[in-house]
Amino acid sequence: MPRASFVLLIAIAVFFGTATSNQVCGPNAEYTTCGSACQPTCSNPDPHQICTLQCVIGCQCKEGFLSNGAGQCVSPQNC
């Protein structure tokens, strides 16, 4: 019985991993399963606040880009 439970758990993990890896993100963004809850934004480009250690799943701006508050990742010059 424990072996069947383990196999079922692995199958579920593979299914959800495959389903979420096909997420399409906008320009200058990438999909992550464990991103930061404190992303740099145009209004706060260098967040030094204490941030939670939770994983945020979804599209986040690539390194060097900032969230402009409208769901787009832009270069700092375009904020």
PDB file of N, CA and C in Angstrom:
ATOM      1  N   MET A   1       0.813  -1.209   0.000  1.00  0.00           N
ATOM      2  CA  MET A   1       0.000   0.000   0.000  1.00  0.00           C
ATOM      3  C   MET A   1       0.855   1.271   0.000  1.00  0.00           C
ATOM      4  N   PRO A   2       1.923   1.351   0.822  1.00  0.00           N
ATOM      5  CA  PRO A   2       2.741   2.573   0.797  1.00  0.00           C
ATOM      6  C   PRO A   2       3.359   2.835  -0.576  1.00  0.00           C
ATOM      7  N   ARG A   3       3.714   1.765  -1.292  1.00  0.00           N
ATOM      8  CA  ARG A   3       4.308   1.934  -2.622  1.00  0.00           C
ATOM      9  C   ARG A   3       3.293   2.542  -3.585  1.00  0.00           C
ATOM     10  N   ALA A   4       2.042   2.109  -3.522  1.00  0.00           N
ATOM     11  CA  ALA A   4       0.997   2.656  -4.389  1.00  0.00           C
ATOM     12  C   ALA A   4       0.760   4.127  -4.079  1.00  0.00           C
ATOM     13  N   SER A   5       0.795   4.494  -2.820  1.00  0.00           N
ATOM     14  CA  SER A   5       0.621   5.899  -2.433  1.00  0.00           C
ATOM     15  C   SER A   5       1.764   6.747  -2.971  1.00  0.00           C
ATOM     16  N   PHE A   6       2.979   6.218  -2.899  1.00  0.00           N
ATOM     17  CA  PHE A   6       4.145   6.943  -3.393  1.00  0.00           C
ATOM     18  C   PHE A   6       4.050   7.151  -4.902  1.00  0.00           C
ATOM     19  N   VAL A   7       3.672   6.117  -5.628  1.00  0.00           N
ATOM     20  CA  VAL A   7       3.535   6.210  -7.087  1.00  0.00           C
ATOM     21  C   VAL A   7       2.454   7.222  -7.452  1.00  0.00           C
ATOM     22  N   LEU A   8       1.344   7.210  -6.727  1.00  0.00           N
ATOM     23  CA  LEU A   8       0.271   8.169  -6.979  1.00  0.00           C
ATOM     24  C   LEU A   8       0.747   9.596  -6.721  1.00  0.00           C
ATOM     25  N   LEU A   9       1.488   9.798  -5.650  1.00  0.00           N
ATOM     26  CA  LEU A   9       2.016  11.126  -5.328  1.00  0.00           C
ATOM     27  C   LEU A   9       2.956  11.627  -6.424  1.00  0.00           C
ATOM     28  N   ILE A  10       3.817  10.767  -6.918  1.00  0.00           N
ATOM     29  CA  ILE A  10       4.737  11.140  -7.999  1.00  0.00           C
ATOM     30  C   ILE A  10       3.955  11.480  -9.264  1.00  0.00           C
ATOM     31  N   ALA A  11       2.942  10.700  -9.595  1.00  0.00           N
ATOM     32  CA  ALA A  11       2.129  10.963 -10.789  1.00  0.00           C
ATOM     33  C   ALA A  11       1.432  12.314 -10.695  1.00  0.00           C
ATOM     34  N   ILE A  12       0.916  12.640  -9.535  1.00  0.00           N
ATOM     35  CA  ILE A  12       0.255  13.938  -9.345  1.00  0.00           C
ATOM     36  C   ILE A  12       1.263  15.070  -9.487  1.00  0.00           C
ATOM     37  N   ALA A  13       2.448  14.910  -8.902  1.00  0.00           N
ATOM     38  CA  ALA A  13       3.482  15.949  -9.000  1.00  0.00           C
ATOM     39  C   ALA A  13       3.905  16.170 -10.448  1.00  0.00           C
ATOM     40  N   VAL A  14       4.076  15.100 -11.205  1.00  0.00           N
ATOM     41  CA  VAL A  14       4.457  15.219 -12.616  1.00  0.00           C
ATOM     42  C   VAL A  14       3.356  15.902 -13.406  1.00  0.00           C
ATOM     43  N   PHE A  15       2.101  15.543 -13.156  1.00  0.00           N
ATOM     44  CA  PHE A  15       0.979  16.161 -13.861  1.00  0.00           C
ATOM     45  C   PHE A  15       0.945  17.662 -13.618  1.00  0.00           C
ATOM     46  N   PHE A  16       1.021  18.086 -12.351  1.00  0.00           N
ATOM     47  CA  PHE A  16       0.959  19.514 -12.053  1.00  0.00           C
ATOM     48  C   PHE A  16       2.201  20.242 -12.547  1.00  0.00           C
ATOM     49  N   GLY A  17       3.346  19.598 -12.506  1.00  0.00           N
ATOM     50  CA  GLY A  17       4.560  20.212 -13.034  1.00  0.00           C
ATOM     51  C   GLY A  17       4.472  20.449 -14.526  1.00  0.00           C
ATOM     52  N   THR A  18       3.911  19.509 -15.252  1.00  0.00           N
ATOM     53  CA  THR A  18       3.736  19.649 -16.695  1.00  0.00           C
ATOM     54  C   THR A  18       2.681  20.690 -17.021  1.00  0.00           C
ATOM     55  N   ALA A  19       1.603  20.714 -16.272  1.00  0.00           N
ATOM     56  CA  ALA A  19       0.511  21.659 -16.535  1.00  0.00           C
ATOM     57  C   ALA A  19       0.949  23.091 -16.305  1.00  0.00           C
ATOM     58  N   THR A  20       1.774  23.343 -15.301  1.00  0.00           N
ATOM     59  CA  THR A  20       2.170  24.719 -14.995  1.00  0.00           C
ATOM     60  C   THR A  20       3.383  25.170 -15.795  1.00  0.00           C
ATOM     61  N   SER A  21       4.180  24.254 -16.330  1.00  0.00           N
ATOM     62  CA  SER A  21       5.379  24.661 -17.053  1.00  0.00           C
ATOM     63  C   SER A  21       5.057  25.263 -18.415  1.00  0.00           C
ATOM     64  N   ASN A  22       3.838  25.140 -18.893  1.00  0.00           N
ATOM     65  CA  ASN A  22       3.445  25.691 -20.184  1.00  0.00           C
ATOM     66  C   ASN A  22       2.898  27.107 -20.064  1.00  0.00           C
ATOM     67  N   GLN A  23       3.011  27.725 -18.909  1.00  0.00           N
ATOM     68  CA  GLN A  23       2.521  29.078 -18.672  1.00  0.00           C
ATOM     69  C   GLN A  23       3.258  30.053 -19.594  1.00  0.00           C
ATOM     70  N   VAL A  24       2.516  30.906 -20.274  1.00  0.00           N
ATOM     71  CA  VAL A  24       3.103  31.895 -21.172  1.00  0.00           C
ATOM     72  C   VAL A  24       3.125  33.238 -20.459  1.00  0.00           C
ATOM     73  N   CYS A  25       4.280  33.850 -20.429  1.00  0.00           N
ATOM     74  CA  CYS A  25       4.441  35.153 -19.783  1.00  0.00           C
ATOM     75  C   CYS A  25       4.704  36.213 -20.844  1.00  0.00           C
ATOM     76  N   GLY A  26       4.522  37.452 -20.463  1.00  0.00           N
ATOM     77  CA  GLY A  26       4.752  38.565 -21.371  1.00  0.00           C
ATOM     78  C   GLY A  26       6.231  38.810 -21.609  1.00  0.00           C
ATOM     79  N   PRO A  27       6.528  39.813 -22.420  1.00  0.00           N
ATOM     80  CA  PRO A  27       7.926  40.166 -22.685  1.00  0.00           C
ATOM     81  C   PRO A  27       8.647  40.526 -21.394  1.00  0.00           C
ATOM     82  N   ASN A  28       9.887  40.138 -21.291  1.00  0.00           N
ATOM     83  CA  ASN A  28      10.759  40.439 -20.153  1.00  0.00           C
ATOM     84  C   ASN A  28      10.292  39.794 -18.853  1.00  0.00           C
ATOM     85  N   ALA A  29       9.442  38.779 -18.949  1.00  0.00           N
ATOM     86  CA  ALA A  29       8.958  38.066 -17.770  1.00  0.00           C
ATOM     87  C   ALA A  29       9.186  36.574 -17.969  1.00  0.00           C
ATOM     88  N   GLU A  30       9.225  35.849 -16.859  1.00  0.00           N
ATOM     89  CA  GLU A  30       9.399  34.407 -16.914  1.00  0.00           C
ATOM     90  C   GLU A  30       8.550  33.751 -15.840  1.00  0.00           C
ATOM     91  N   TYR A  31       8.141  32.523 -16.111  1.00  0.00           N
ATOM     92  CA  TYR A  31       7.311  31.777 -15.170  1.00  0.00           C
ATOM     93  C   TYR A  31       8.201  31.158 -14.104  1.00  0.00           C
ATOM     94  N   THR A  32       7.778  31.260 -12.863  1.00  0.00           N
ATOM     95  CA  THR A  32       8.514  30.655 -11.762  1.00  0.00           C
ATOM     96  C   THR A  32       7.551  29.972 -10.808  1.00  0.00           C
ATOM     97  N   THR A  33       8.013  28.890 -10.224  1.00  0.00           N
ATOM     98  CA  THR A  33       7.195  28.188  -9.235  1.00  0.00           C
ATOM     99  C   THR A  33       7.535  28.629  -7.821  1.00  0.00           C
ATOM    100  N   CYS A  34       8.581  29.426  -7.673  1.00  0.00           N
ATOM    101  CA  CYS A  34       8.948  29.904  -6.335  1.00  0.00           C
ATOM    102  C   CYS A  34       9.648  31.252  -6.449  1.00  0.00           C
ATOM    103  N   GLY A  35       8.891  32.263  -6.851  1.00  0.00           N
ATOM    104  CA  GLY A  35       9.438  33.607  -6.971  1.00  0.00           C
ATOM    105  C   GLY A  35       9.266  34.398  -5.687  1.00  0.00           C
ATOM    106  N   SER A  36       9.808  35.584  -5.681  1.00  0.00           N
ATOM    107  CA  SER A  36       9.749  36.454  -4.510  1.00  0.00           C
ATOM    108  C   SER A  36       8.400  37.151  -4.397  1.00  0.00           C
ATOM    109  N   ALA A  37       7.967  37.363  -3.167  1.00  0.00           N
ATOM    110  CA  ALA A  37       6.747  38.129  -2.916  1.00  0.00           C
ATOM    111  C   ALA A  37       7.044  39.624  -2.933  1.00  0.00           C
ATOM    112  N   CYS A  38       8.311  39.990  -3.020  1.00  0.00           N
ATOM    113  CA  CYS A  38       8.721  41.406  -2.990  1.00  0.00           C
ATOM    114  C   CYS A  38       9.511  41.742  -4.249  1.00  0.00           C
ATOM    115  N   GLN A  39       8.854  41.711  -5.373  1.00  0.00           N
ATOM    116  CA  GLN A  39       9.496  42.037  -6.639  1.00  0.00           C
ATOM    117  C   GLN A  39       9.827  43.518  -6.729  1.00  0.00           C
ATOM    118  N   PRO A  40      10.926  43.871  -7.377  1.00  0.00           N
ATOM    119  CA  PRO A  40      11.196  45.285  -7.637  1.00  0.00           C
ATOM    120  C   PRO A  40      10.148  45.863  -8.588  1.00  0.00           C
ATOM    121  N   THR A  41       9.716  47.075  -8.310  1.00  0.00           N
ATOM    122  CA  THR A  41       8.725  47.757  -9.139  1.00  0.00           C
ATOM    123  C   THR A  41       9.244  49.130  -9.520  1.00  0.00           C
ATOM    124  N   CYS A  42       8.544  49.792 -10.427  1.00  0.00           N
ATOM    125  CA  CYS A  42       8.933  51.152 -10.800  1.00  0.00           C
ATOM    126  C   CYS A  42       8.860  52.088  -9.595  1.00  0.00           C
ATOM    127  N   SER A  43       7.866  51.891  -8.744  1.00  0.00           N
ATOM    128  CA  SER A  43       7.720  52.766  -7.579  1.00  0.00           C
ATOM    129  C   SER A  43       8.643  52.368  -6.432  1.00  0.00           C
ATOM    130  N   ASN A  44       9.167  51.148  -6.446  1.00  0.00           N
ATOM    131  CA  ASN A  44      10.097  50.683  -5.415  1.00  0.00           C
ATOM    132  C   ASN A  44      11.120  49.749  -6.074  1.00  0.00           C
ATOM    133  N   PRO A  45      12.089  50.338  -6.804  1.00  0.00           N
ATOM    134  CA  PRO A  45      13.007  49.524  -7.596  1.00  0.00           C
ATOM    135  C   PRO A  45      14.009  48.703  -6.785  1.00  0.00           C
ATOM    136  N   ASP A  46      14.220  49.071  -5.528  1.00  0.00           N
ATOM    137  CA  ASP A  46      15.208  48.369  -4.712  1.00  0.00           C
ATOM    138  C   ASP A  46      14.613  48.046  -3.349  1.00  0.00           C
ATOM    139  N   PRO A  47      13.676  47.097  -3.296  1.00  0.00           N
ATOM    140  CA  PRO A  47      12.997  46.817  -2.029  1.00  0.00           C
ATOM    141  C   PRO A  47      13.924  46.158  -1.009  1.00  0.00           C
ATOM    142  N   HIS A  48      14.218  46.890   0.056  1.00  0.00           N
ATOM    143  CA  HIS A  48      15.063  46.354   1.122  1.00  0.00           C
ATOM    144  C   HIS A  48      14.250  46.006   2.352  1.00  0.00           C
ATOM    145  N   GLN A  49      12.926  45.986   2.200  1.00  0.00           N
ATOM    146  CA  GLN A  49      12.087  45.655   3.342  1.00  0.00           C
ATOM    147  C   GLN A  49      12.205  44.171   3.672  1.00  0.00           C
ATOM    148  N   ILE A  50      11.754  43.825   4.853  1.00  0.00           N
ATOM    149  CA  ILE A  50      11.699  42.415   5.220  1.00  0.00           C
ATOM    150  C   ILE A  50      10.592  41.775   4.390  1.00  0.00           C
ATOM    151  N   CYS A  51      10.926  40.719   3.716  1.00  0.00           N
ATOM    152  CA  CYS A  51       9.978  40.062   2.815  1.00  0.00           C
ATOM    153  C   CYS A  51       9.639  38.678   3.356  1.00  0.00           C
ATOM    154  N   THR A  52       8.421  38.245   3.095  1.00  0.00           N
ATOM    155  CA  THR A  52       8.035  36.902   3.517  1.00  0.00           C
ATOM    156  C   THR A  52       8.821  35.870   2.718  1.00  0.00           C
ATOM    157  N   LEU A  53       8.962  34.703   3.272  1.00  0.00           N
ATOM    158  CA  LEU A  53       9.715  33.642   2.609  1.00  0.00           C
ATOM    159  C   LEU A  53       8.831  32.724   1.779  1.00  0.00           C
ATOM    160  N   GLN A  54       7.595  33.143   1.546  1.00  0.00           N
ATOM    161  CA  GLN A  54       6.684  32.313   0.765  1.00  0.00           C
ATOM    162  C   GLN A  54       7.090  32.283  -0.700  1.00  0.00           C
ATOM    163  N   CYS A  55       6.763  31.207  -1.363  1.00  0.00           N
ATOM    164  CA  CYS A  55       6.991  31.092  -2.801  1.00  0.00           C
ATOM    165  C   CYS A  55       5.771  31.629  -3.536  1.00  0.00           C
ATOM    166  N   VAL A  56       6.016  32.491  -4.511  1.00  0.00           N
ATOM    167  CA  VAL A  56       4.943  33.031  -5.337  1.00  0.00           C
ATOM    168  C   VAL A  56       5.028  32.350  -6.698  1.00  0.00           C
ATOM    169  N   ILE A  57       3.937  31.725  -7.104  1.00  0.00           N
ATOM    170  CA  ILE A  57       3.894  31.009  -8.381  1.00  0.00           C
ATOM    171  C   ILE A  57       3.303  31.920  -9.443  1.00  0.00           C
ATOM    172  N   GLY A  58       3.966  32.014 -10.587  1.00  0.00           N
ATOM    173  CA  GLY A  58       3.440  32.805 -11.686  1.00  0.00           C
ATOM    174  C   GLY A  58       4.538  33.538 -12.432  1.00  0.00           C
ATOM    175  N   CYS A  59       4.131  34.468 -13.280  1.00  0.00           N
ATOM    176  CA  CYS A  59       5.077  35.245 -14.074  1.00  0.00           C
ATOM    177  C   CYS A  59       5.679  36.357 -13.227  1.00  0.00           C
ATOM    178  N   GLN A  60       6.982  36.510 -13.325  1.00  0.00           N
ATOM    179  CA  GLN A  60       7.686  37.589 -12.649  1.00  0.00           C
ATOM    180  C   GLN A  60       8.696  38.190 -13.610  1.00  0.00           C
ATOM    181  N   CYS A  61       9.046  39.429 -13.358  1.00  0.00           N
ATOM    182  CA  CYS A  61       9.993  40.117 -14.238  1.00  0.00           C
ATOM    183  C   CYS A  61      11.366  39.449 -14.189  1.00  0.00           C
ATOM    184  N   LYS A  62      12.001  39.398 -15.354  1.00  0.00           N
ATOM    185  CA  LYS A  62      13.364  38.884 -15.429  1.00  0.00           C
ATOM    186  C   LYS A  62      14.306  39.859 -14.736  1.00  0.00           C
ATOM    187  N   GLU A  63      15.489  39.378 -14.421  1.00  0.00           N
ATOM    188  CA  GLU A  63      16.526  40.191 -13.780  1.00  0.00           C
ATOM    189  C   GLU A  63      16.784  41.448 -14.611  1.00  0.00           C
ATOM    190  N   GLY A  64      16.792  42.612 -13.962  1.00  0.00           N
ATOM    191  CA  GLY A  64      17.053  43.874 -14.643  1.00  0.00           C
ATOM    192  C   GLY A  64      15.809  44.599 -15.113  1.00  0.00           C
ATOM    193  N   PHE A  65      14.634  43.993 -14.943  1.00  0.00           N
ATOM    194  CA  PHE A  65      13.374  44.616 -15.344  1.00  0.00           C
ATOM    195  C   PHE A  65      12.500  44.848 -14.120  1.00  0.00           C
ATOM    196  N   LEU A  66      11.617  45.838 -14.221  1.00  0.00           N
ATOM    197  CA  LEU A  66      10.749  46.221 -13.109  1.00  0.00           C
ATOM    198  C   LEU A  66       9.288  46.107 -13.514  1.00  0.00           C
ATOM    199  N   SER A  67       8.451  45.787 -12.557  1.00  0.00           N
ATOM    200  CA  SER A  67       7.011  45.746 -12.803  1.00  0.00           C
ATOM    201  C   SER A  67       6.478  47.176 -12.787  1.00  0.00           C
ATOM    202  N   ASN A  68       5.731  47.548 -13.832  1.00  0.00           N
ATOM    203  CA  ASN A  68       5.251  48.934 -13.922  1.00  0.00           C
ATOM    204  C   ASN A  68       3.878  49.133 -13.290  1.00  0.00           C
ATOM    205  N   GLY A  69       3.337  48.117 -12.664  1.00  0.00           N
ATOM    206  CA  GLY A  69       2.031  48.243 -12.022  1.00  0.00           C
ATOM    207  C   GLY A  69       0.867  47.942 -12.950  1.00  0.00           C
ATOM    208  N   ALA A  70       1.139  47.781 -14.231  1.00  0.00           N
ATOM    209  CA  ALA A  70       0.095  47.464 -15.210  1.00  0.00           C
ATOM    210  C   ALA A  70       0.285  46.050 -15.758  1.00  0.00           C
ATOM    211  N   GLY A  71       1.062  45.247 -15.036  1.00  0.00           N
ATOM    212  CA  GLY A  71       1.290  43.872 -15.463  1.00  0.00           C
ATOM    213  C   GLY A  71       2.369  43.717 -16.512  1.00  0.00           C
ATOM    214  N   GLN A  72       3.181  44.746 -16.715  1.00  0.00           N
ATOM    215  CA  GLN A  72       4.247  44.692 -17.712  1.00  0.00           C
ATOM    216  C   GLN A  72       5.598  44.826 -17.025  1.00  0.00           C
ATOM    217  N   CYS A  73       6.593  44.166 -17.588  1.00  0.00           N
ATOM    218  CA  CYS A  73       7.960  44.269 -17.094  1.00  0.00           C
ATOM    219  C   CYS A  73       8.734  45.174 -18.045  1.00  0.00           C
ATOM    220  N   VAL A  74       9.244  46.256 -17.508  1.00  0.00           N
ATOM    221  CA  VAL A  74       9.915  47.261 -18.332  1.00  0.00           C
ATOM    222  C   VAL A  74      11.308  47.526 -17.783  1.00  0.00           C
ATOM    223  N   SER A  75      12.156  48.109 -18.622  1.00  0.00           N
ATOM    224  CA  SER A  75      13.480  48.506 -18.154  1.00  0.00           C
ATOM    225  C   SER A  75      13.322  49.715 -17.235  1.00  0.00           C
ATOM    226  N   PRO A  76      14.250  49.932 -16.332  1.00  0.00           N
ATOM    227  CA  PRO A  76      14.141  51.085 -15.423  1.00  0.00           C
ATOM    228  C   PRO A  76      13.991  52.420 -16.161  1.00  0.00           C
ATOM    229  N   GLN A  77      14.578  52.536 -17.353  1.00  0.00           N
ATOM    230  CA  GLN A  77      14.479  53.773 -18.125  1.00  0.00           C
ATOM    231  C   GLN A  77      13.061  54.024 -18.616  1.00  0.00           C
ATOM    232  N   ASN A  78      12.243  52.982 -18.717  1.00  0.00           N
ATOM    233  CA  ASN A  78      10.878  53.122 -19.237  1.00  0.00           C
ATOM    234  C   ASN A  78       9.807  53.168 -18.151  1.00  0.00           C
ATOM    235  N   CYS A  79      10.230  53.357 -16.918  1.00  0.00           N
ATOM    236  CA  CYS A  79       9.249  53.454 -15.821  1.00  0.00           C
ATOM    237  C   CYS A  79       8.517  54.782 -15.852  1.00  0.00           C
TER     238      CYS A  79
END
